[in-house]
Amino acid sequence: MSLRIYNTLTQEKEEFQPLDPPRVKMYVCGITPYDKTHLGHARAYVTFDIVRRYLEGYGYEVTYVQNITDIDDKIIKRSQELGISHQQLATQFTESYFEVMDRLNVRKAHRYPKATHAIPDMIKVIQELIKLGFAYKAEGDVYFQVSRFKGYGKLSKRKRKDMMAGARVEVDERKKDPMDFALWKAAKEGEPSWDSPWGRGRPGWHIECSTMSHKYLGETFDIHGGGRDLIFPHHENEIAQAEAITGKPFVKYWMHNGFVTVNKQKMSKSLGNFFTLKDIFKQFDPMVVRFFLLSTHYRSPVNYSDQELNNAKEAYGRICRFVQDVDFILARSAEEAPLTEVEDLEEELNAFRDRFKAAMDDDFNTAGAVAAIFEMIHYCNKAIEEEGEVEKETLAVMKETVLSLCSVLGLAIGPRSEVQGLRPEVDKLVVEREEARKKKDFAKADGIRVKLQEMGIVLEDTPYGTRWTKNA
């Protein structure tokens, strides 16, 4: 089965055929760094991190660009409220964004162009749009004339009345049409501004993405991604600006991730159901959050609640537990123990790998891919239980297969850092307890168990020896 991607533009799943294989060019709308990074950001950037990882696993050479909108109305307003410059504000929250993305194991894009660094390029694009008759000047502002671009609406499939509602059109007598949108905004007193042929001002939001994607990826590129809320008006306007100049298709595949909801409502600050990632990380491991996000197909809404995160924690823990169990058995198995090779192991594991790939090839169905991993773990556990002592090489293959598939999803599997820090002390006490039990000094053994319990350590005596875990 070949990789198929749901294309928002055609509203169909299409076989993925890059424009210039093996190269793939991908642009994803980035953050506006005026506040803390939240779960909605994680949904988008985990989604496209997985897309990038999977394409690279296919052998494609991915060039990934993600912009940073470091000047806009929200940044100006927030910086004024805090009494700091817009640069300070943007830098602070951009650094915070990278910090939490690192914790989510989101790999960095190849480029993070900033809007303020691309203003000369944007001015050139606006000049070209005016020259071609797609834009007009109005008292220091410049507007794109929507009626001049015949393909407007082809991405969102909206009718004009729906477009006006979606764009929250403001009455402005200087516009030729209420649907026209700003390419350049004249400077207001006290706001940051830049020189332009139309006077001091700053660019509109939509012009930056079409300008920067064109600069770094060319006139037509393979994938453009973002949240569903960006389909209209942002991505619709990007298409109009880009294709008005080039006369060529702007993007081949448009991908959009679903919303994060809370009690079935879209998460937003205005509704007061807004959760920052740093706050969530105080209660849940970042890998649990990542697992929670990829357990639902990227185009579907994902509903946030403590219960859903706890379910994800339990499920992710089962994967970690399997890997830890295999490691424990490999470390404790006696060299002289009888060895048994599980029959048809490679054939069975290949079947699970195929199920994983089939799910991912079906528009990056991570939920189906996770199901394939759990089916494989169930098979491996059953094989270990039924065969008793399993050949070490066989165990290693089981473990590496699980780890390799988790790696495709960006899931880091292993003990938390605080567990790693406890390991030397706990291992020492576990050995002392085992020695006490062998000498039938049960009082000492029980005393060590109590001490470990006070440290939050749970012991489990197995045929291979005593293994331990730390309470969450």
Foldseek 3Di string as FASTA:
>chain_A
DAFWAQFLLVRDTHGADWPDPLEAEEEEEAEAQQDFAFLQNVLFQLVVLLVVLVSVVVVHHYQYEYEYALDDDSLQVSCVVVVHDSVVRSVVRVVNVVVLCVLLLRDDGPYYHYQVVCQVLLLVLLVLCVVLPQWDDFQLWIWGNVVVQVCQCSSVVDDPVVQCVLVVFDDDPRDPDSNIDTQWDHDDPPGDWDQHPSGTTGGDDQSRVLRVCCVPPNLEGEEYEEAPSCSPPRVSVSQRSSCSRVVDGRYDGYYHFYAEAEVPHGDDVVVVNIGHPVVVCVPARSLLSLQLSLLAQRNDYRYDDVVSSVVSVVLLVVLLVLLVVLVLCLVQPDPPDDEDEQPCLVVVLVVLVVQLVVCCSHNHNSSSNSVSLVVLSVVVVVSCVVVPHYHNVNSVVSNVSSVVSVVSSSRDHDDDPVCVVCVVVLVVLQVVLVVCVVVVVVVSNVVSCVVCVVVQKDWDQDPSGIDIDGDD
